[in-house]
N, C-alpha and C. Protein backbone atom coordinates (compact mmCIF):
# COMPACT_ATOMS: atom_id res chain seq x y z
N MET A 1 -9.57 -15.61 2.72
CA MET A 1 -10.18 -14.73 3.68
C MET A 1 -11.66 -14.65 3.38
N LYS A 2 -12.46 -14.62 4.40
CA LYS A 2 -13.90 -14.51 4.26
C LYS A 2 -14.31 -13.04 4.17
N THR A 3 -15.43 -12.79 3.53
CA THR A 3 -15.91 -11.41 3.39
C THR A 3 -16.18 -10.77 4.75
N THR A 4 -16.56 -11.57 5.73
CA THR A 4 -16.86 -11.04 7.06
C THR A 4 -15.61 -10.63 7.83
N GLU A 5 -14.42 -11.04 7.36
CA GLU A 5 -13.16 -10.71 8.03
C GLU A 5 -12.53 -9.41 7.53
N VAL A 6 -13.08 -8.84 6.47
CA VAL A 6 -12.50 -7.64 5.87
C VAL A 6 -12.92 -6.40 6.66
N ASN A 7 -11.92 -5.56 6.99
CA ASN A 7 -12.18 -4.29 7.65
C ASN A 7 -11.02 -3.34 7.36
N LYS A 8 -11.17 -2.08 7.70
CA LYS A 8 -10.15 -1.06 7.41
C LYS A 8 -8.85 -1.31 8.17
N GLU A 9 -8.88 -2.07 9.25
CA GLU A 9 -7.66 -2.36 10.02
C GLU A 9 -6.69 -3.24 9.24
N LEU A 10 -7.13 -3.83 8.14
CA LEU A 10 -6.25 -4.65 7.31
C LEU A 10 -5.29 -3.79 6.47
N ILE A 11 -5.62 -2.52 6.30
CA ILE A 11 -4.78 -1.63 5.48
C ILE A 11 -3.38 -1.57 6.07
N GLY A 12 -2.39 -1.79 5.21
CA GLY A 12 -1.00 -1.80 5.63
C GLY A 12 -0.46 -3.18 5.96
N LYS A 13 -1.32 -4.18 6.00
CA LYS A 13 -0.89 -5.55 6.31
C LYS A 13 -0.36 -6.24 5.05
N ARG A 14 0.66 -7.07 5.26
CA ARG A 14 1.21 -7.86 4.15
C ARG A 14 0.31 -9.06 3.90
N CYS A 15 0.20 -9.44 2.63
CA CYS A 15 -0.67 -10.55 2.29
C CYS A 15 -0.18 -11.25 1.04
N GLU A 16 -0.82 -12.35 0.77
CA GLU A 16 -0.61 -13.11 -0.45
C GLU A 16 -1.99 -13.24 -1.10
N CYS A 17 -2.06 -12.98 -2.41
CA CYS A 17 -3.34 -13.09 -3.11
C CYS A 17 -3.11 -13.71 -4.48
N ILE A 18 -4.19 -14.03 -5.14
CA ILE A 18 -4.09 -14.64 -6.46
C ILE A 18 -4.19 -13.57 -7.54
N PHE A 19 -3.30 -13.68 -8.54
CA PHE A 19 -3.32 -12.78 -9.69
C PHE A 19 -2.94 -13.60 -10.91
N THR A 20 -3.78 -13.64 -11.89
CA THR A 20 -3.58 -14.42 -13.12
C THR A 20 -3.19 -15.87 -12.82
N GLY A 21 -3.78 -16.43 -11.80
CA GLY A 21 -3.53 -17.83 -11.47
C GLY A 21 -2.31 -18.08 -10.62
N LEU A 22 -1.56 -17.02 -10.28
CA LEU A 22 -0.36 -17.15 -9.45
C LEU A 22 -0.60 -16.51 -8.10
N MET A 23 0.01 -17.08 -7.07
CA MET A 23 -0.04 -16.45 -5.75
C MET A 23 1.09 -15.44 -5.67
N VAL A 24 0.75 -14.17 -5.39
CA VAL A 24 1.73 -13.09 -5.34
C VAL A 24 1.60 -12.36 -4.00
N THR A 25 2.65 -11.67 -3.59
CA THR A 25 2.65 -10.98 -2.31
C THR A 25 2.52 -9.48 -2.51
N GLY A 26 2.03 -8.82 -1.47
CA GLY A 26 1.87 -7.38 -1.52
C GLY A 26 1.38 -6.84 -0.19
N VAL A 27 0.89 -5.61 -0.24
CA VAL A 27 0.39 -4.91 0.95
C VAL A 27 -1.03 -4.45 0.67
N ILE A 28 -1.92 -4.65 1.64
CA ILE A 28 -3.30 -4.21 1.49
C ILE A 28 -3.33 -2.69 1.54
N GLU A 29 -3.95 -2.10 0.52
CA GLU A 29 -3.95 -0.65 0.35
C GLU A 29 -5.32 -0.03 0.62
N ASP A 30 -6.39 -0.79 0.42
CA ASP A 30 -7.73 -0.22 0.58
C ASP A 30 -8.74 -1.35 0.67
N THR A 31 -9.93 -1.02 1.15
CA THR A 31 -11.05 -1.96 1.15
C THR A 31 -12.29 -1.22 0.67
N GLU A 32 -13.19 -1.93 0.04
CA GLU A 32 -14.46 -1.35 -0.40
C GLU A 32 -15.56 -2.38 -0.20
N GLU A 33 -16.75 -1.87 0.05
CA GLU A 33 -17.90 -2.75 0.24
C GLU A 33 -19.08 -2.14 -0.48
N ASN A 34 -19.86 -2.99 -1.15
CA ASN A 34 -21.12 -2.55 -1.73
C ASN A 34 -22.19 -3.56 -1.34
N GLU A 35 -23.32 -3.46 -1.94
CA GLU A 35 -24.45 -4.32 -1.57
C GLU A 35 -24.14 -5.80 -1.72
N HIS A 36 -23.34 -6.14 -2.74
CA HIS A 36 -23.14 -7.55 -3.06
C HIS A 36 -21.74 -8.09 -2.78
N THR A 37 -20.72 -7.22 -2.76
CA THR A 37 -19.34 -7.71 -2.64
C THR A 37 -18.52 -6.91 -1.63
N ILE A 38 -17.44 -7.54 -1.20
CA ILE A 38 -16.39 -6.91 -0.40
C ILE A 38 -15.12 -7.02 -1.24
N GLU A 39 -14.33 -5.95 -1.29
CA GLU A 39 -13.11 -5.96 -2.09
C GLU A 39 -11.93 -5.45 -1.28
N VAL A 40 -10.76 -5.99 -1.59
CA VAL A 40 -9.52 -5.60 -0.93
C VAL A 40 -8.51 -5.27 -2.03
N LYS A 41 -7.96 -4.06 -2.01
CA LYS A 41 -6.95 -3.67 -2.99
C LYS A 41 -5.57 -4.04 -2.47
N VAL A 42 -4.82 -4.80 -3.27
CA VAL A 42 -3.49 -5.25 -2.89
C VAL A 42 -2.47 -4.62 -3.84
N ARG A 43 -1.52 -3.88 -3.28
CA ARG A 43 -0.39 -3.33 -4.05
C ARG A 43 0.72 -4.37 -4.02
N PHE A 44 1.13 -4.83 -5.20
CA PHE A 44 2.12 -5.88 -5.30
C PHE A 44 3.49 -5.42 -4.82
N ASP A 45 4.29 -6.34 -4.30
CA ASP A 45 5.67 -6.04 -3.93
C ASP A 45 6.49 -5.64 -5.15
N ARG A 46 6.17 -6.23 -6.27
CA ARG A 46 6.81 -5.87 -7.53
C ARG A 46 5.77 -6.01 -8.62
N PRO A 47 5.87 -5.23 -9.71
CA PRO A 47 4.88 -5.34 -10.79
C PRO A 47 4.86 -6.73 -11.41
N HIS A 48 3.68 -7.14 -11.88
CA HIS A 48 3.53 -8.43 -12.54
C HIS A 48 2.99 -8.21 -13.95
N GLN A 49 3.55 -8.95 -14.88
CA GLN A 49 3.15 -8.81 -16.27
C GLN A 49 2.07 -9.81 -16.62
N TRP A 50 1.10 -9.33 -17.40
CA TRP A 50 0.07 -10.19 -17.97
C TRP A 50 -0.13 -9.71 -19.39
N GLY A 51 0.26 -10.53 -20.33
CA GLY A 51 0.25 -10.09 -21.72
C GLY A 51 1.28 -9.00 -21.92
N ASP A 52 0.87 -7.92 -22.54
CA ASP A 52 1.77 -6.79 -22.78
C ASP A 52 1.74 -5.76 -21.66
N ASP A 53 0.92 -5.96 -20.65
CA ASP A 53 0.74 -4.96 -19.61
C ASP A 53 1.40 -5.36 -18.29
N LEU A 54 1.86 -4.32 -17.55
CA LEU A 54 2.39 -4.52 -16.20
C LEU A 54 1.34 -4.05 -15.21
N TYR A 55 1.13 -4.83 -14.17
CA TYR A 55 0.15 -4.50 -13.14
C TYR A 55 0.85 -4.29 -11.81
N ASN A 56 0.46 -3.23 -11.09
CA ASN A 56 1.03 -2.90 -9.78
C ASN A 56 0.11 -3.31 -8.64
N ASP A 57 -1.17 -3.55 -8.96
CA ASP A 57 -2.13 -3.87 -7.91
C ASP A 57 -3.28 -4.67 -8.48
N VAL A 58 -4.11 -5.19 -7.59
CA VAL A 58 -5.29 -5.95 -7.98
C VAL A 58 -6.35 -5.79 -6.88
N TRP A 59 -7.60 -5.88 -7.26
CA TRP A 59 -8.70 -5.91 -6.29
C TRP A 59 -9.12 -7.37 -6.11
N ALA A 60 -8.91 -7.92 -4.92
CA ALA A 60 -9.42 -9.25 -4.59
C ALA A 60 -10.85 -9.05 -4.10
N TRP A 61 -11.78 -9.81 -4.62
CA TRP A 61 -13.18 -9.58 -4.29
C TRP A 61 -13.86 -10.88 -3.86
N GLY A 62 -14.92 -10.70 -3.11
CA GLY A 62 -15.71 -11.85 -2.67
C GLY A 62 -17.18 -11.49 -2.64
N ARG A 63 -18.02 -12.39 -3.13
CA ARG A 63 -19.46 -12.19 -3.09
C ARG A 63 -19.95 -12.51 -1.69
N LYS A 64 -20.74 -11.62 -1.12
CA LYS A 64 -21.21 -11.79 0.26
C LYS A 64 -22.09 -13.02 0.44
N ILE A 65 -22.91 -13.31 -0.52
CA ILE A 65 -23.90 -14.37 -0.37
C ILE A 65 -23.28 -15.77 -0.30
N ASP A 66 -22.17 -16.00 -1.04
CA ASP A 66 -21.62 -17.35 -1.07
C ASP A 66 -20.09 -17.41 -1.03
N GLU A 67 -19.42 -16.27 -0.80
CA GLU A 67 -17.95 -16.18 -0.69
C GLU A 67 -17.23 -16.47 -2.01
N PHE A 68 -17.96 -16.54 -3.13
CA PHE A 68 -17.32 -16.77 -4.41
C PHE A 68 -16.44 -15.57 -4.77
N GLY A 69 -15.28 -15.82 -5.35
CA GLY A 69 -14.40 -14.77 -5.84
C GLY A 69 -12.96 -14.99 -5.41
N THR A 70 -12.11 -14.07 -5.78
CA THR A 70 -10.67 -14.21 -5.51
C THR A 70 -10.30 -13.91 -4.06
N LEU A 71 -11.18 -13.26 -3.32
CA LEU A 71 -10.88 -12.93 -1.93
C LEU A 71 -10.61 -14.18 -1.09
N ARG A 72 -11.25 -15.29 -1.42
CA ARG A 72 -11.06 -16.51 -0.63
C ARG A 72 -9.62 -17.03 -0.68
N HIS A 73 -8.85 -16.58 -1.68
CA HIS A 73 -7.44 -16.98 -1.79
C HIS A 73 -6.50 -16.03 -1.05
N LEU A 74 -6.99 -14.88 -0.62
CA LEU A 74 -6.15 -13.90 0.08
C LEU A 74 -5.82 -14.39 1.49
N GLN A 75 -4.53 -14.34 1.82
CA GLN A 75 -4.08 -14.75 3.16
C GLN A 75 -3.15 -13.69 3.71
N LEU A 76 -3.33 -13.35 4.97
CA LEU A 76 -2.40 -12.43 5.63
C LEU A 76 -1.09 -13.16 5.88
N LEU A 77 0.02 -12.44 5.74
CA LEU A 77 1.34 -13.01 6.01
C LEU A 77 1.84 -12.50 7.34
N GLU A 78 2.55 -13.34 8.04
CA GLU A 78 3.15 -12.89 9.29
C GLU A 78 4.30 -11.95 8.94
N ASP A 79 4.40 -10.89 9.72
CA ASP A 79 5.49 -9.94 9.50
C ASP A 79 6.82 -10.61 9.78
N LYS A 80 7.76 -10.36 8.90
CA LYS A 80 9.12 -10.85 9.13
C LYS A 80 9.74 -10.00 10.23
N PRO A 81 10.70 -10.52 10.97
CA PRO A 81 11.33 -9.74 12.02
C PRO A 81 11.93 -8.43 11.52
N ASP A 82 12.43 -8.41 10.29
CA ASP A 82 13.02 -7.19 9.76
C ASP A 82 12.01 -6.34 8.99
N PHE A 83 10.76 -6.75 8.96
CA PHE A 83 9.71 -6.00 8.28
C PHE A 83 9.16 -4.94 9.23
N GLN A 84 9.09 -3.70 8.77
CA GLN A 84 8.65 -2.61 9.64
C GLN A 84 7.45 -1.88 9.04
N THR A 85 6.68 -1.29 9.92
CA THR A 85 5.56 -0.45 9.53
C THR A 85 5.76 0.93 10.16
N MET A 86 5.65 1.96 9.33
CA MET A 86 5.80 3.34 9.79
C MET A 86 4.47 4.05 9.53
N THR A 87 3.90 4.62 10.58
CA THR A 87 2.69 5.42 10.44
C THR A 87 3.09 6.88 10.56
N VAL A 88 2.80 7.66 9.53
CA VAL A 88 3.22 9.07 9.48
C VAL A 88 2.00 9.96 9.37
N VAL A 89 1.93 10.95 10.26
CA VAL A 89 0.92 12.00 10.15
C VAL A 89 1.67 13.25 9.72
N PHE A 90 1.36 13.74 8.53
CA PHE A 90 2.04 14.90 7.97
C PHE A 90 1.41 16.19 8.47
N GLY A 91 2.20 17.23 8.49
CA GLY A 91 1.74 18.54 8.93
C GLY A 91 0.90 19.27 7.90
N GLU A 92 0.86 18.76 6.69
CA GLU A 92 0.03 19.32 5.63
C GLU A 92 -0.54 18.17 4.81
N PRO A 93 -1.59 18.42 4.03
CA PRO A 93 -2.18 17.34 3.24
C PRO A 93 -1.16 16.71 2.28
N ILE A 94 -1.26 15.43 2.08
CA ILE A 94 -0.36 14.73 1.17
C ILE A 94 -0.44 15.33 -0.22
N SER A 95 -1.63 15.75 -0.65
CA SER A 95 -1.78 16.36 -1.97
C SER A 95 -0.97 17.66 -2.07
N GLN A 96 -0.86 18.40 -0.97
CA GLN A 96 -0.04 19.62 -0.96
C GLN A 96 1.45 19.28 -1.05
N ILE A 97 1.87 18.21 -0.38
CA ILE A 97 3.26 17.76 -0.48
C ILE A 97 3.56 17.37 -1.93
N ASP A 98 2.62 16.68 -2.56
CA ASP A 98 2.79 16.31 -3.97
C ASP A 98 3.03 17.54 -4.83
N ARG A 99 2.25 18.60 -4.60
CA ARG A 99 2.38 19.81 -5.42
C ARG A 99 3.64 20.60 -5.11
N SER A 100 4.00 20.69 -3.83
CA SER A 100 5.13 21.54 -3.47
C SER A 100 6.48 20.84 -3.65
N VAL A 101 6.63 19.63 -3.16
CA VAL A 101 7.92 18.93 -3.24
C VAL A 101 8.17 18.42 -4.66
N PHE A 102 7.16 17.91 -5.31
CA PHE A 102 7.34 17.27 -6.62
C PHE A 102 6.87 18.17 -7.76
N GLU A 103 6.99 19.48 -7.55
CA GLU A 103 6.60 20.46 -8.58
C GLU A 103 7.34 20.19 -9.89
N ASP A 104 8.62 19.86 -9.80
CA ASP A 104 9.43 19.53 -10.97
C ASP A 104 9.56 18.01 -11.06
N ALA A 105 8.53 17.39 -11.63
CA ALA A 105 8.49 15.92 -11.69
C ALA A 105 9.66 15.35 -12.49
N ALA A 106 10.10 16.08 -13.49
CA ALA A 106 11.23 15.58 -14.30
C ALA A 106 12.50 15.46 -13.47
N ALA A 107 12.71 16.39 -12.55
CA ALA A 107 13.90 16.36 -11.70
C ALA A 107 13.84 15.21 -10.70
N TRP A 108 12.65 14.95 -10.13
CA TRP A 108 12.49 13.89 -9.13
C TRP A 108 12.29 12.52 -9.77
N GLY A 109 11.80 12.48 -10.99
CA GLY A 109 11.51 11.20 -11.64
C GLY A 109 10.15 10.65 -11.28
N VAL A 110 9.44 11.31 -10.39
CA VAL A 110 8.07 10.94 -9.99
C VAL A 110 7.30 12.23 -9.72
N CYS A 111 5.99 12.11 -9.60
CA CYS A 111 5.19 13.31 -9.39
C CYS A 111 4.42 13.29 -8.07
N SER A 112 4.74 12.33 -7.19
CA SER A 112 4.00 12.25 -5.93
C SER A 112 4.85 11.64 -4.83
N LEU A 113 4.42 11.88 -3.61
CA LEU A 113 5.08 11.29 -2.44
C LEU A 113 4.98 9.77 -2.50
N GLN A 114 3.81 9.26 -2.87
CA GLN A 114 3.65 7.81 -2.99
C GLN A 114 4.62 7.25 -4.02
N GLY A 115 4.75 7.90 -5.15
CA GLY A 115 5.67 7.45 -6.18
C GLY A 115 7.11 7.43 -5.71
N TRP A 116 7.48 8.47 -4.93
CA TRP A 116 8.86 8.54 -4.43
C TRP A 116 9.13 7.42 -3.42
N VAL A 117 8.25 7.27 -2.45
CA VAL A 117 8.45 6.24 -1.43
C VAL A 117 8.44 4.85 -2.07
N ASN A 118 7.51 4.60 -2.98
CA ASN A 118 7.43 3.29 -3.63
C ASN A 118 8.65 3.00 -4.51
N SER A 119 9.43 4.03 -4.85
CA SER A 119 10.62 3.79 -5.67
C SER A 119 11.74 3.15 -4.87
N TYR A 120 11.65 3.20 -3.53
CA TYR A 120 12.62 2.47 -2.70
C TYR A 120 12.29 0.98 -2.78
N GLU A 121 13.29 0.15 -2.97
CA GLU A 121 13.06 -1.28 -3.08
C GLU A 121 12.44 -1.82 -1.79
N SER A 122 11.41 -2.61 -1.89
CA SER A 122 10.70 -3.29 -0.81
C SER A 122 9.89 -2.35 0.08
N VAL A 123 9.66 -1.11 -0.34
CA VAL A 123 8.91 -0.15 0.47
C VAL A 123 7.61 0.21 -0.26
N ARG A 124 6.50 0.27 0.50
CA ARG A 124 5.20 0.63 -0.07
C ARG A 124 4.54 1.71 0.78
N PHE A 125 3.88 2.66 0.10
CA PHE A 125 3.22 3.81 0.71
C PHE A 125 1.72 3.64 0.50
N VAL A 126 0.94 3.74 1.59
CA VAL A 126 -0.52 3.67 1.51
C VAL A 126 -1.09 4.86 2.27
N ALA A 127 -1.74 5.78 1.54
CA ALA A 127 -2.39 6.92 2.19
C ALA A 127 -3.67 6.43 2.86
N ILE A 128 -3.84 6.77 4.13
CA ILE A 128 -5.03 6.36 4.89
C ILE A 128 -6.08 7.46 4.85
N ASN A 129 -5.63 8.71 4.91
CA ASN A 129 -6.51 9.87 4.75
C ASN A 129 -5.66 11.02 4.21
N ASP A 130 -6.16 12.25 4.26
CA ASP A 130 -5.46 13.39 3.67
C ASP A 130 -4.09 13.64 4.27
N HIS A 131 -3.91 13.36 5.55
CA HIS A 131 -2.66 13.67 6.25
C HIS A 131 -1.86 12.46 6.72
N THR A 132 -2.44 11.27 6.64
CA THR A 132 -1.81 10.09 7.25
C THR A 132 -1.49 9.02 6.20
N ALA A 133 -0.34 8.38 6.38
CA ALA A 133 0.06 7.29 5.50
C ALA A 133 0.69 6.17 6.33
N VAL A 134 0.52 4.95 5.86
CA VAL A 134 1.21 3.79 6.42
C VAL A 134 2.26 3.39 5.39
N ILE A 135 3.50 3.31 5.83
CA ILE A 135 4.60 2.93 4.95
C ILE A 135 5.17 1.63 5.49
N THR A 136 5.27 0.63 4.62
CA THR A 136 5.79 -0.67 5.03
C THR A 136 7.04 -0.97 4.23
N GLY A 137 7.96 -1.69 4.87
CA GLY A 137 9.19 -2.04 4.17
C GLY A 137 10.05 -3.00 4.97
N GLU A 138 11.08 -3.49 4.30
CA GLU A 138 11.97 -4.46 4.93
C GLU A 138 13.26 -3.83 5.42
N TYR A 139 14.00 -3.17 4.56
CA TYR A 139 15.34 -2.75 4.97
C TYR A 139 15.69 -1.31 4.59
N ASN A 140 14.80 -0.58 3.96
CA ASN A 140 15.10 0.80 3.58
C ASN A 140 14.37 1.82 4.43
N MET A 141 13.81 1.41 5.53
CA MET A 141 12.95 2.30 6.31
C MET A 141 13.71 3.48 6.91
N GLU A 142 14.94 3.28 7.34
CA GLU A 142 15.70 4.38 7.92
C GLU A 142 15.96 5.47 6.87
N GLN A 143 16.29 5.06 5.65
CA GLN A 143 16.52 6.04 4.59
C GLN A 143 15.23 6.79 4.25
N VAL A 144 14.11 6.09 4.22
CA VAL A 144 12.82 6.72 3.96
C VAL A 144 12.51 7.72 5.06
N LYS A 145 12.72 7.34 6.31
CA LYS A 145 12.46 8.22 7.45
C LYS A 145 13.30 9.49 7.35
N VAL A 146 14.58 9.34 7.08
CA VAL A 146 15.47 10.51 6.95
C VAL A 146 15.00 11.42 5.83
N TRP A 147 14.63 10.85 4.70
CA TRP A 147 14.16 11.64 3.56
C TRP A 147 12.88 12.39 3.92
N LEU A 148 11.93 11.68 4.55
CA LEU A 148 10.66 12.32 4.93
C LEU A 148 10.90 13.49 5.89
N GLU A 149 11.79 13.28 6.87
CA GLU A 149 12.07 14.35 7.84
C GLU A 149 12.73 15.55 7.16
N LYS A 150 13.49 15.32 6.11
CA LYS A 150 14.19 16.41 5.41
C LYS A 150 13.25 17.20 4.50
N TYR A 151 12.34 16.51 3.79
CA TYR A 151 11.56 17.16 2.74
C TYR A 151 10.09 17.41 3.07
N THR A 152 9.58 16.88 4.19
CA THR A 152 8.17 17.09 4.53
C THR A 152 8.03 17.54 5.97
N SER A 153 6.89 18.14 6.27
CA SER A 153 6.60 18.48 7.67
C SER A 153 5.83 17.31 8.28
N ILE A 154 6.28 16.86 9.44
CA ILE A 154 5.70 15.68 10.08
C ILE A 154 5.16 16.05 11.45
N LYS A 155 3.90 15.71 11.71
CA LYS A 155 3.31 15.89 13.04
C LYS A 155 3.74 14.75 13.97
N SER A 156 3.64 13.53 13.44
CA SER A 156 4.05 12.37 14.23
C SER A 156 4.52 11.26 13.29
N LEU A 157 5.44 10.45 13.82
CA LEU A 157 5.99 9.33 13.06
C LEU A 157 6.21 8.19 14.04
N LYS A 158 5.56 7.05 13.77
CA LYS A 158 5.68 5.91 14.66
C LYS A 158 6.11 4.69 13.85
N ILE A 159 7.17 4.03 14.30
CA ILE A 159 7.67 2.83 13.64
C ILE A 159 7.39 1.63 14.54
N SER A 160 6.81 0.58 13.93
CA SER A 160 6.56 -0.64 14.71
C SER A 160 7.05 -1.84 13.93
C-alpha cells in the first residue's frame, strides 16, 4: 500500500501485513500521520511470537518521501462471504462500559469491552471514538450481538 492510499476509512478492514518477515493477517485498527511517515496499526487475527514475547498488533509504516518501510507490504483482503462487520454506537462512552460492566475483572476474565469481544474466536473490536466501535468477525457475530444487547446500552447497531 502506498502512503497516499492511507486514510481513516481503512479502519475495520481486513488486511495482510509483514511481521518479523512473515505475512500475517489482521484488521486495521488505527492510522497515524506525521511530517515524515504514515502508519497503520494492524491487530493480528491471532497473537504472534517473536523470541519470548507475544505480539497482538504491529504498526506498518511508510516514509512519505520514498515509500520505504513495511507499509508497502500491506495489502487489503477481500471480505469472505461469511465475514461480517458490525458498527455499534453505544448509549454511553466505551470507557464507562469498561468501568461499569467489567468492574469485577476477575469474574469476567478481562477488564474491558475490547478485551471481552476480542476473546471470541475470529472477532476483533476497534473503537473509532468514545461511543462507536467497529467489530469484525467470521462466525461468532450473532453471539457477540446478543451479548452486547444484554450487557450494554446501544443507540444503533448495523451489520454489513
